[in-house]
Amino acid sequence: MRTESTTEKDPSASVSGEAVPRSPWRVTAVETLPGLQLRVAFADGLTGTVDMSRLVRSPKAGVFAALADPSLFAQVKLDLGAVTWPGDLDLAPDAMHAAIQERGVWLL
């Protein structure tokens, strides 16, 4: 006796296009500013500054010390609502949003 099986597509399992995070703290725009600073805008309309100068120049900078190179710092981009650089460097958008909401600037 022969049995046949059919495979049906589950429309909920397919993904069309790129995933877009909808969190209010998702970063929607980033630009570099002088002095190892960034200007960021969030999905909820909040804007502010990220000042990385202390962190990048600190003896405890770790992987972020590489951002002292202006050409690397200038390679900032957004990846799914997070600020990133080559070499798997990124910043936590939720912490960034909270600090900017409270003080207008995130000092790292």
PDB file of N, CA and C in Angstrom:
ATOM      1  N   MET A   1       0.842  -1.168   0.000  1.00  0.00           N
ATOM      2  CA  MET A   1       0.000   0.000   0.000  1.00  0.00           C
ATOM      3  C   MET A   1       0.890   1.235   0.000  1.00  0.00           C
ATOM      4  N   ARG A   2       0.578   2.132  -0.847  1.00  0.00           N
ATOM      5  CA  ARG A   2       1.367   3.335  -1.003  1.00  0.00           C
ATOM      6  C   ARG A   2       0.637   4.519  -0.384  1.00  0.00           C
ATOM      7  N   THR A   3       1.370   5.323   0.392  1.00  0.00           N
ATOM      8  CA  THR A   3       0.760   6.541   0.949  1.00  0.00           C
ATOM      9  C   THR A   3       1.492   7.753   0.394  1.00  0.00           C
ATOM     10  N   GLU A   4       0.764   8.796   0.186  1.00  0.00           N
ATOM     11  CA  GLU A   4       1.356  10.035  -0.297  1.00  0.00           C
ATOM     12  C   GLU A   4       1.238  11.095   0.784  1.00  0.00           C
ATOM     13  N   SER A   5       2.253  11.904   0.873  1.00  0.00           N
ATOM     14  CA  SER A   5       2.159  13.014   1.816  1.00  0.00           C
ATOM     15  C   SER A   5       2.312  14.313   1.046  1.00  0.00           C
ATOM     16  N   THR A   6       1.635  15.299   1.503  1.00  0.00           N
ATOM     17  CA  THR A   6       1.748  16.608   0.888  1.00  0.00           C
ATOM     18  C   THR A   6       2.229  17.590   1.933  1.00  0.00           C
ATOM     19  N   THR A   7       2.980  18.524   1.475  1.00  0.00           N
ATOM     20  CA  THR A   7       3.484  19.553   2.377  1.00  0.00           C
ATOM     21  C   THR A   7       2.790  20.855   2.057  1.00  0.00           C
ATOM     22  N   GLU A   8       2.156  21.413   3.051  1.00  0.00           N
ATOM     23  CA  GLU A   8       1.507  22.712   2.874  1.00  0.00           C
ATOM     24  C   GLU A   8       2.385  23.788   3.467  1.00  0.00           C
ATOM     25  N   LYS A   9       2.377  24.915   2.812  1.00  0.00           N
ATOM     26  CA  LYS A   9       3.155  26.040   3.327  1.00  0.00           C
ATOM     27  C   LYS A   9       2.392  26.712   4.456  1.00  0.00           C
ATOM     28  N   ASP A  10       3.116  27.006   5.509  1.00  0.00           N
ATOM     29  CA  ASP A  10       2.556  27.731   6.642  1.00  0.00           C
ATOM     30  C   ASP A  10       2.862  29.215   6.433  1.00  0.00           C
ATOM     31  N   PRO A  11       1.843  30.037   6.119  1.00  0.00           N
ATOM     32  CA  PRO A  11       2.112  31.446   5.841  1.00  0.00           C
ATOM     33  C   PRO A  11       2.721  32.190   7.032  1.00  0.00           C
ATOM     34  N   SER A  12       2.478  31.727   8.226  1.00  0.00           N
ATOM     35  CA  SER A  12       3.054  32.397   9.390  1.00  0.00           C
ATOM     36  C   SER A  12       4.545  32.100   9.529  1.00  0.00           C
ATOM     37  N   ALA A  13       5.012  31.059   8.849  1.00  0.00           N
ATOM     38  CA  ALA A  13       6.416  30.691   8.952  1.00  0.00           C
ATOM     39  C   ALA A  13       7.286  31.423   7.938  1.00  0.00           C
ATOM     40  N   SER A  14       6.658  32.022   6.937  1.00  0.00           N
ATOM     41  CA  SER A  14       7.466  32.706   5.934  1.00  0.00           C
ATOM     42  C   SER A  14       7.734  34.145   6.356  1.00  0.00           C
ATOM     43  N   VAL A  15       8.881  34.620   5.949  1.00  0.00           N
ATOM     44  CA  VAL A  15       9.286  35.980   6.280  1.00  0.00           C
ATOM     45  C   VAL A  15       9.503  36.704   4.971  1.00  0.00           C
ATOM     46  N   SER A  16       8.837  37.812   4.827  1.00  0.00           N
ATOM     47  CA  SER A  16       9.056  38.594   3.614  1.00  0.00           C
ATOM     48  C   SER A  16       9.758  39.881   3.998  1.00  0.00           C
ATOM     49  N   GLY A  17      10.847  40.143   3.322  1.00  0.00           N
ATOM     50  CA  GLY A  17      11.590  41.366   3.606  1.00  0.00           C
ATOM     51  C   GLY A  17      12.416  41.249   4.864  1.00  0.00           C
ATOM     52  N   GLU A  18      12.899  42.374   5.317  1.00  0.00           N
ATOM     53  CA  GLU A  18      13.763  42.437   6.492  1.00  0.00           C
ATOM     54  C   GLU A  18      12.931  42.719   7.738  1.00  0.00           C
ATOM     55  N   ALA A  19      13.317  42.131   8.849  1.00  0.00           N
ATOM     56  CA  ALA A  19      12.630  42.375  10.114  1.00  0.00           C
ATOM     57  C   ALA A  19      12.868  43.817  10.542  1.00  0.00           C
ATOM     58  N   VAL A  20      11.823  44.457  11.018  1.00  0.00           N
ATOM     59  CA  VAL A  20      11.928  45.846  11.458  1.00  0.00           C
ATOM     60  C   VAL A  20      11.486  45.935  12.910  1.00  0.00           C
ATOM     61  N   PRO A  21      12.413  46.193  13.814  1.00  0.00           N
ATOM     62  CA  PRO A  21      12.033  46.323  15.217  1.00  0.00           C
ATOM     63  C   PRO A  21      11.097  47.516  15.402  1.00  0.00           C
ATOM     64  N   ARG A  22      10.149  47.385  16.301  1.00  0.00           N
ATOM     65  CA  ARG A  22       9.174  48.451  16.511  1.00  0.00           C
ATOM     66  C   ARG A  22       9.309  49.124  17.873  1.00  0.00           C
ATOM     67  N   SER A  23      10.342  48.852  18.596  1.00  0.00           N
ATOM     68  CA  SER A  23      10.532  49.433  19.918  1.00  0.00           C
ATOM     69  C   SER A  23      10.726  50.942  19.815  1.00  0.00           C
ATOM     70  N   PRO A  24      10.206  51.709  20.780  1.00  0.00           N
ATOM     71  CA  PRO A  24      10.363  53.166  20.721  1.00  0.00           C
ATOM     72  C   PRO A  24      11.820  53.597  20.829  1.00  0.00           C
ATOM     73  N   TRP A  25      12.670  52.769  21.413  1.00  0.00           N
ATOM     74  CA  TRP A  25      14.080  53.105  21.554  1.00  0.00           C
ATOM     75  C   TRP A  25      14.926  52.650  20.373  1.00  0.00           C
ATOM     76  N   ARG A  26      14.295  52.173  19.312  1.00  0.00           N
ATOM     77  CA  ARG A  26      15.022  51.798  18.093  1.00  0.00           C
ATOM     78  C   ARG A  26      15.616  53.060  17.473  1.00  0.00           C
ATOM     79  N   VAL A  27      16.903  53.039  17.179  1.00  0.00           N
ATOM     80  CA  VAL A  27      17.571  54.186  16.560  1.00  0.00           C
ATOM     81  C   VAL A  27      17.226  54.198  15.077  1.00  0.00           C
ATOM     82  N   THR A  28      16.770  55.351  14.590  1.00  0.00           N
ATOM     83  CA  THR A  28      16.379  55.482  13.188  1.00  0.00           C
ATOM     84  C   THR A  28      17.375  56.300  12.372  1.00  0.00           C
ATOM     85  N   ALA A  29      18.237  57.054  13.035  1.00  0.00           N
ATOM     86  CA  ALA A  29      19.244  57.852  12.326  1.00  0.00           C
ATOM     87  C   ALA A  29      20.442  58.076  13.237  1.00  0.00           C
ATOM     88  N   VAL A  30      21.625  58.097  12.631  1.00  0.00           N
ATOM     89  CA  VAL A  30      22.861  58.359  13.383  1.00  0.00           C
ATOM     90  C   VAL A  30      23.800  59.141  12.492  1.00  0.00           C
ATOM     91  N   GLU A  31      24.488  60.112  13.067  1.00  0.00           N
ATOM     92  CA  GLU A  31      25.524  60.839  12.345  1.00  0.00           C
ATOM     93  C   GLU A  31      26.667  61.143  13.301  1.00  0.00           C
ATOM     94  N   THR A  32      27.868  61.163  12.757  1.00  0.00           N
ATOM     95  CA  THR A  32      29.032  61.458  13.585  1.00  0.00           C
ATOM     96  C   THR A  32      29.154  62.961  13.782  1.00  0.00           C
ATOM     97  N   LEU A  33      29.657  63.327  14.950  1.00  0.00           N
ATOM     98  CA  LEU A  33      29.951  64.711  15.304  1.00  0.00           C
ATOM     99  C   LEU A  33      31.413  64.770  15.724  1.00  0.00           C
ATOM    100  N   PRO A  34      32.001  65.956  15.754  1.00  0.00           N
ATOM    101  CA  PRO A  34      33.398  66.064  16.209  1.00  0.00           C
ATOM    102  C   PRO A  34      33.548  65.578  17.659  1.00  0.00           C
ATOM    103  N   GLY A  35      34.760  65.163  17.994  1.00  0.00           N
ATOM    104  CA  GLY A  35      35.062  64.794  19.380  1.00  0.00           C
ATOM    105  C   GLY A  35      34.504  63.469  19.824  1.00  0.00           C
ATOM    106  N   LEU A  36      34.417  62.499  18.902  1.00  0.00           N
ATOM    107  CA  LEU A  36      33.917  61.160  19.238  1.00  0.00           C
ATOM    108  C   LEU A  36      32.488  61.205  19.785  1.00  0.00           C
ATOM    109  N   GLN A  37      31.659  61.985  19.134  1.00  0.00           N
ATOM    110  CA  GLN A  37      30.257  62.100  19.514  1.00  0.00           C
ATOM    111  C   GLN A  37      29.369  61.696  18.342  1.00  0.00           C
ATOM    112  N   LEU A  38      28.155  61.314  18.688  1.00  0.00           N
ATOM    113  CA  LEU A  38      27.143  60.938  17.707  1.00  0.00           C
ATOM    114  C   LEU A  38      25.871  61.722  17.957  1.00  0.00           C
ATOM    115  N   ARG A  39      25.149  61.987  16.910  1.00  0.00           N
ATOM    116  CA  ARG A  39      23.794  62.533  17.015  1.00  0.00           C
ATOM    117  C   ARG A  39      22.879  61.395  16.617  1.00  0.00           C
ATOM    118  N   VAL A  40      21.896  61.080  17.465  1.00  0.00           N
ATOM    119  CA  VAL A  40      20.991  59.962  17.193  1.00  0.00           C
ATOM    120  C   VAL A  40      19.542  60.412  17.252  1.00  0.00           C
ATOM    121  N   ALA A  41      18.708  59.711  16.499  1.00  0.00           N
ATOM    122  CA  ALA A  41      17.262  59.915  16.537  1.00  0.00           C
ATOM    123  C   ALA A  41      16.619  58.544  16.735  1.00  0.00           C
ATOM    124  N   PHE A  42      15.537  58.539  17.494  1.00  0.00           N
ATOM    125  CA  PHE A  42      14.852  57.293  17.838  1.00  0.00           C
ATOM    126  C   PHE A  42      13.474  57.222  17.183  1.00  0.00           C
ATOM    127  N   ALA A  43      12.918  56.027  17.165  1.00  0.00           N
ATOM    128  CA  ALA A  43      11.619  55.777  16.543  1.00  0.00           C
ATOM    129  C   ALA A  43      10.504  56.624  17.146  1.00  0.00           C
ATOM    130  N   ASP A  44      10.624  56.962  18.425  1.00  0.00           N
ATOM    131  CA  ASP A  44       9.575  57.751  19.080  1.00  0.00           C
ATOM    132  C   ASP A  44       9.772  59.260  18.909  1.00  0.00           C
ATOM    133  N   GLY A  45      10.783  59.687  18.119  1.00  0.00           N
ATOM    134  CA  GLY A  45      11.017  61.103  17.868  1.00  0.00           C
ATOM    135  C   GLY A  45      12.067  61.747  18.757  1.00  0.00           C
ATOM    136  N   LEU A  46      12.498  61.059  19.793  1.00  0.00           N
ATOM    137  CA  LEU A  46      13.531  61.583  20.682  1.00  0.00           C
ATOM    138  C   LEU A  46      14.851  61.703  19.918  1.00  0.00           C
ATOM    139  N   THR A  47      15.580  62.797  20.143  1.00  0.00           N
ATOM    140  CA  THR A  47      16.911  62.969  19.565  1.00  0.00           C
ATOM    141  C   THR A  47      17.874  63.382  20.667  1.00  0.00           C
ATOM    142  N   GLY A  48      19.157  63.121  20.450  1.00  0.00           N
ATOM    143  CA  GLY A  48      20.144  63.505  21.445  1.00  0.00           C
ATOM    144  C   GLY A  48      21.549  63.164  20.999  1.00  0.00           C
ATOM    145  N   THR A  49      22.478  63.320  21.925  1.00  0.00           N
ATOM    146  CA  THR A  49      23.892  63.141  21.648  1.00  0.00           C
ATOM    147  C   THR A  49      24.458  61.989  22.476  1.00  0.00           C
ATOM    148  N   VAL A  50      25.348  61.235  21.859  1.00  0.00           N
ATOM    149  CA  VAL A  50      26.109  60.190  22.539  1.00  0.00           C
ATOM    150  C   VAL A  50      27.559  60.663  22.554  1.00  0.00           C
ATOM    151  N   ASP A  51      28.115  60.852  23.735  1.00  0.00           N
ATOM    152  CA  ASP A  51      29.500  61.305  23.869  1.00  0.00           C
ATOM    153  C   ASP A  51      30.351  60.126  24.305  1.00  0.00           C
ATOM    154  N   MET A  52      31.167  59.626  23.364  1.00  0.00           N
ATOM    155  CA  MET A  52      31.991  58.454  23.619  1.00  0.00           C
ATOM    156  C   MET A  52      33.437  58.820  23.928  1.00  0.00           C
ATOM    157  N   SER A  53      33.759  60.103  24.008  1.00  0.00           N
ATOM    158  CA  SER A  53      35.149  60.536  24.127  1.00  0.00           C
ATOM    159  C   SER A  53      35.845  59.980  25.370  1.00  0.00           C
ATOM    160  N   ARG A  54      35.175  60.021  26.508  1.00  0.00           N
ATOM    161  CA  ARG A  54      35.797  59.503  27.741  1.00  0.00           C
ATOM    162  C   ARG A  54      36.050  58.008  27.648  1.00  0.00           C
ATOM    163  N   LEU A  55      35.064  57.277  27.179  1.00  0.00           N
ATOM    164  CA  LEU A  55      35.191  55.823  27.083  1.00  0.00           C
ATOM    165  C   LEU A  55      36.310  55.433  26.123  1.00  0.00           C
ATOM    166  N   VAL A  56      36.293  55.986  24.925  1.00  0.00           N
ATOM    167  CA  VAL A  56      37.249  55.591  23.896  1.00  0.00           C
ATOM    168  C   VAL A  56      38.684  55.893  24.313  1.00  0.00           C
ATOM    169  N   ARG A  57      38.888  56.969  25.052  1.00  0.00           N
ATOM    170  CA  ARG A  57      40.237  57.363  25.470  1.00  0.00           C
ATOM    171  C   ARG A  57      40.641  56.784  26.833  1.00  0.00           C
ATOM    172  N   SER A  58      39.757  56.043  27.452  1.00  0.00           N
ATOM    173  CA  SER A  58      40.004  55.473  28.770  1.00  0.00           C
ATOM    174  C   SER A  58      40.899  54.239  28.690  1.00  0.00           C
ATOM    175  N   PRO A  59      41.715  54.002  29.725  1.00  0.00           N
ATOM    176  CA  PRO A  59      42.492  52.757  29.763  1.00  0.00           C
ATOM    177  C   PRO A  59      41.596  51.517  29.837  1.00  0.00           C
ATOM    178  N   LYS A  60      40.340  51.710  30.220  1.00  0.00           N
ATOM    179  CA  LYS A  60      39.389  50.595  30.317  1.00  0.00           C
ATOM    180  C   LYS A  60      38.468  50.523  29.089  1.00  0.00           C
ATOM    181  N   ALA A  61      38.877  51.134  27.979  1.00  0.00           N
ATOM    182  CA  ALA A  61      38.043  51.185  26.781  1.00  0.00           C
ATOM    183  C   ALA A  61      37.809  49.815  26.163  1.00  0.00           C
ATOM    184  N   GLY A  62      38.746  48.911  26.358  1.00  0.00           N
ATOM    185  CA  GLY A  62      38.594  47.570  25.774  1.00  0.00           C
ATOM    186  C   GLY A  62      38.442  47.648  24.267  1.00  0.00           C
ATOM    187  N   VAL A  63      37.458  46.945  23.728  1.00  0.00           N
ATOM    188  CA  VAL A  63      37.254  46.910  22.282  1.00  0.00           C
ATOM    189  C   VAL A  63      36.917  48.276  21.702  1.00  0.00           C
ATOM    190  N   PHE A  64      36.362  49.165  22.522  1.00  0.00           N
ATOM    191  CA  PHE A  64      35.977  50.489  22.027  1.00  0.00           C
ATOM    192  C   PHE A  64      37.181  51.401  21.772  1.00  0.00           C
ATOM    193  N   ALA A  65      38.372  51.026  22.236  1.00  0.00           N
ATOM    194  CA  ALA A  65      39.576  51.815  21.969  1.00  0.00           C
ATOM    195  C   ALA A  65      39.831  51.942  20.471  1.00  0.00           C
ATOM    196  N   ALA A  66      39.417  50.968  19.713  1.00  0.00           N
ATOM    197  CA  ALA A  66      39.598  51.010  18.258  1.00  0.00           C
ATOM    198  C   ALA A  66      38.887  52.194  17.619  1.00  0.00           C
ATOM    199  N   LEU A  67      37.832  52.692  18.276  1.00  0.00           N
ATOM    200  CA  LEU A  67      37.067  53.811  17.720  1.00  0.00           C
ATOM    201  C   LEU A  67      37.814  55.136  17.805  1.00  0.00           C
ATOM    202  N   ALA A  68      38.979  55.163  18.433  1.00  0.00           N
ATOM    203  CA  ALA A  68      39.817  56.366  18.438  1.00  0.00           C
ATOM    204  C   ALA A  68      40.335  56.661  17.028  1.00  0.00           C
ATOM    205  N   ASP A  69      40.334  55.656  16.169  1.00  0.00           N
ATOM    206  CA  ASP A  69      40.710  55.840  14.767  1.00  0.00           C
ATOM    207  C   ASP A  69      39.535  56.535  14.059  1.00  0.00           C
ATOM    208  N   PRO A  70      39.728  57.783  13.618  1.00  0.00           N
ATOM    209  CA  PRO A  70      38.624  58.536  13.001  1.00  0.00           C
ATOM    210  C   PRO A  70      37.990  57.821  11.808  1.00  0.00           C
ATOM    211  N   SER A  71      38.783  57.096  11.031  1.00  0.00           N
ATOM    212  CA  SER A  71      38.202  56.409   9.873  1.00  0.00           C
ATOM    213  C   SER A  71      37.274  55.275  10.305  1.00  0.00           C
ATOM    214  N   LEU A  72      37.590  54.604  11.411  1.00  0.00           N
ATOM    215  CA  LEU A  72      36.696  53.559  11.923  1.00  0.00           C
ATOM    216  C   LEU A  72      35.461  54.179  12.566  1.00  0.00           C
ATOM    217  N   PHE A  73      35.647  55.227  13.360  1.00  0.00           N
ATOM    218  CA  PHE A  73      34.504  55.880  14.000  1.00  0.00           C
ATOM    219  C   PHE A  73      33.503  56.359  12.948  1.00  0.00           C
ATOM    220  N   ALA A  74      34.005  56.838  11.809  1.00  0.00           N
ATOM    221  CA  ALA A  74      33.149  57.347  10.736  1.00  0.00           C
ATOM    222  C   ALA A  74      32.346  56.251  10.048  1.00  0.00           C
ATOM    223  N   GLN A  75      32.682  54.981  10.281  1.00  0.00           N
ATOM    224  CA  GLN A  75      31.973  53.865   9.653  1.00  0.00           C
ATOM    225  C   GLN A  75      30.723  53.443  10.429  1.00  0.00           C
ATOM    226  N   VAL A  76      30.264  54.286  11.337  1.00  0.00           N
ATOM    227  CA  VAL A  76      29.064  53.981  12.116  1.00  0.00           C
ATOM    228  C   VAL A  76      27.887  53.727  11.175  1.00  0.00           C
ATOM    229  N   LYS A  77      27.044  52.779  11.568  1.00  0.00           N
ATOM    230  CA  LYS A  77      25.835  52.474  10.801  1.00  0.00           C
ATOM    231  C   LYS A  77      24.772  51.926  11.747  1.00  0.00           C
ATOM    232  N   LEU A  78      23.599  51.734  11.219  1.00  0.00           N
ATOM    233  CA  LEU A  78      22.502  51.151  11.991  1.00  0.00           C
ATOM    234  C   LEU A  78      22.267  49.720  11.538  1.00  0.00           C
ATOM    235  N   ASP A  79      22.025  48.858  12.509  1.00  0.00           N
ATOM    236  CA  ASP A  79      21.693  47.475  12.230  1.00  0.00           C
ATOM    237  C   ASP A  79      20.516  47.095  13.119  1.00  0.00           C
ATOM    238  N   LEU A  80      19.356  46.970  12.502  1.00  0.00           N
ATOM    239  CA  LEU A  80      18.125  46.633  13.229  1.00  0.00           C
ATOM    240  C   LEU A  80      17.885  47.562  14.422  1.00  0.00           C
ATOM    241  N   GLY A  81      18.104  48.841  14.221  1.00  0.00           N
ATOM    242  CA  GLY A  81      17.824  49.822  15.262  1.00  0.00           C
ATOM    243  C   GLY A  81      18.911  50.017  16.287  1.00  0.00           C
ATOM    244  N   ALA A  82      20.080  49.442  16.068  1.00  0.00           N
ATOM    245  CA  ALA A  82      21.206  49.599  16.991  1.00  0.00           C
ATOM    246  C   ALA A  82      22.370  50.269  16.253  1.00  0.00           C
ATOM    247  N   VAL A  83      23.107  51.109  16.965  1.00  0.00           N
ATOM    248  CA  VAL A  83      24.292  51.770  16.428  1.00  0.00           C
ATOM    249  C   VAL A  83      25.434  50.760  16.448  1.00  0.00           C
ATOM    250  N   THR A  84      26.081  50.570  15.288  1.00  0.00           N
ATOM    251  CA  THR A  84      27.133  49.559  15.179  1.00  0.00           C
ATOM    252  C   THR A  84      28.327  50.080  14.374  1.00  0.00           C
ATOM    253  N   TRP A  85      29.443  49.366  14.536  1.00  0.00           N
ATOM    254  CA  TRP A  85      30.666  49.591  13.758  1.00  0.00           C
ATOM    255  C   TRP A  85      31.201  48.236  13.338  1.00  0.00           C
ATOM    256  N   PRO A  86      32.091  48.222  12.338  1.00  0.00           N
ATOM    257  CA  PRO A  86      32.752  46.961  11.987  1.00  0.00           C
ATOM    258  C   PRO A  86      33.484  46.379  13.201  1.00  0.00           C
ATOM    259  N   GLY A  87      33.605  45.082  13.227  1.00  0.00           N
ATOM    260  CA  GLY A  87      34.273  44.413  14.343  1.00  0.00           C
ATOM    261  C   GLY A  87      33.324  44.067  15.466  1.00  0.00           C
ATOM    262  N   ASP A  88      32.037  43.994  15.160  1.00  0.00           N
ATOM    263  CA  ASP A  88      31.011  43.630  16.144  1.00  0.00           C
ATOM    264  C   ASP A  88      30.927  44.606  17.308  1.00  0.00           C
ATOM    265  N   LEU A  89      31.197  45.872  17.070  1.00  0.00           N
ATOM    266  CA  LEU A  89      31.030  46.899  18.105  1.00  0.00           C
ATOM    267  C   LEU A  89      29.629  47.463  18.000  1.00  0.00           C
ATOM    268  N   ASP A  90      28.938  47.563  19.125  1.00  0.00           N
ATOM    269  CA  ASP A  90      27.607  48.167  19.109  1.00  0.00           C
ATOM    270  C   ASP A  90      27.298  48.801  20.449  1.00  0.00           C
ATOM    271  N   LEU A  91      26.254  49.614  20.441  1.00  0.00           N
ATOM    272  CA  LEU A  91      25.784  50.283  21.651  1.00  0.00           C
ATOM    273  C   LEU A  91      24.361  49.833  21.943  1.00  0.00           C
ATOM    274  N   ALA A  92      24.028  49.730  23.214  1.00  0.00           N
ATOM    275  CA  ALA A  92      22.694  49.297  23.632  1.00  0.00           C
ATOM    276  C   ALA A  92      21.696  50.431  23.416  1.00  0.00           C
ATOM    277  N   PRO A  93      20.771  50.280  22.459  1.00  0.00           N
ATOM    278  CA  PRO A  93      19.848  51.379  22.167  1.00  0.00           C
ATOM    279  C   PRO A  93      18.892  51.701  23.308  1.00  0.00           C
ATOM    280  N   ASP A  94      18.512  50.712  24.114  1.00  0.00           N
ATOM    281  CA  ASP A  94      17.597  50.979  25.222  1.00  0.00           C
ATOM    282  C   ASP A  94      18.256  51.835  26.299  1.00  0.00           C
ATOM    283  N   ALA A  95      19.510  51.540  26.632  1.00  0.00           N
ATOM    284  CA  ALA A  95      20.242  52.347  27.618  1.00  0.00           C
ATOM    285  C   ALA A  95      20.508  53.742  27.074  1.00  0.00           C
ATOM    286  N   MET A  96      20.830  53.826  25.789  1.00  0.00           N
ATOM    287  CA  MET A  96      21.057  55.104  25.134  1.00  0.00           C
ATOM    288  C   MET A  96      19.793  55.966  25.211  1.00  0.00           C
ATOM    289  N   HIS A  97      18.666  55.393  24.884  1.00  0.00           N
ATOM    290  CA  HIS A  97      17.389  56.114  24.901  1.00  0.00           C
ATOM    291  C   HIS A  97      17.075  56.622  26.297  1.00  0.00           C
ATOM    292  N   ALA A  98      17.238  55.771  27.297  1.00  0.00           N
ATOM    293  CA  ALA A  98      16.923  56.162  28.680  1.00  0.00           C
ATOM    294  C   ALA A  98      17.785  57.340  29.129  1.00  0.00           C
ATOM    295  N   ALA A  99      19.081  57.292  28.846  1.00  0.00           N
ATOM    296  CA  ALA A  99      19.982  58.381  29.253  1.00  0.00           C
ATOM    297  C   ALA A  99      19.658  59.677  28.523  1.00  0.00           C
ATOM    298  N   ILE A 100      19.398  59.581  27.230  1.00  0.00           N
ATOM    299  CA  ILE A 100      19.089  60.788  26.454  1.00  0.00           C
ATOM    300  C   ILE A 100      17.740  61.352  26.860  1.00  0.00           C
ATOM    301  N   GLN A 101      16.797  60.506  27.162  1.00  0.00           N
ATOM    302  CA  GLN A 101      15.483  60.974  27.611  1.00  0.00           C
ATOM    303  C   GLN A 101      15.619  61.741  28.931  1.00  0.00           C
ATOM    304  N   GLU A 102      16.514  61.272  29.790  1.00  0.00           N
ATOM    305  CA  GLU A 102      16.698  61.901  31.090  1.00  0.00           C
ATOM    306  C   GLU A 102      17.568  63.164  31.038  1.00  0.00           C
ATOM    307  N   ARG A 103      18.659  63.111  30.252  1.00  0.00           N
ATOM    308  CA  ARG A 103      19.634  64.216  30.282  1.00  0.00           C
ATOM    309  C   ARG A 103      19.912  64.869  28.933  1.00  0.00           C
ATOM    310  N   GLY A 104      19.406  64.312  27.839  1.00  0.00           N
ATOM    311  CA  GLY A 104      19.671  64.853  26.510  1.00  0.00           C
ATOM    312  C   GLY A 104      20.989  64.386  25.919  1.00  0.00           C
ATOM    313  N   VAL A 105      21.793  63.725  26.730  1.00  0.00           N
ATOM    314  CA  VAL A 105      23.096  63.222  26.278  1.00  0.00           C
ATOM    315  C   VAL A 105      23.393  61.917  27.004  1.00  0.00           C
ATOM    316  N   TRP A 106      24.080  61.013  26.323  1.00  0.00           N
ATOM    317  CA  TRP A 106      24.538  59.779  26.951  1.00  0.00           C
ATOM    318  C   TRP A 106      26.046  59.861  27.018  1.00  0.00           C
ATOM    319  N   LEU A 107      26.574  60.016  28.216  1.00  0.00           N
ATOM    320  CA  LEU A 107      28.018  60.077  28.441  1.00  0.00           C
ATOM    321  C   LEU A 107      28.522  58.700  28.789  1.00  0.00           C
ATOM    322  N   LEU A 108      29.386  58.177  27.948  1.00  0.00           N
ATOM    323  CA  LEU A 108      29.932  56.841  28.207  1.00  0.00           C
ATOM    324  C   LEU A 108      31.307  56.948  28.834  1.00  0.00           C
TER     325      LEU A 108
END
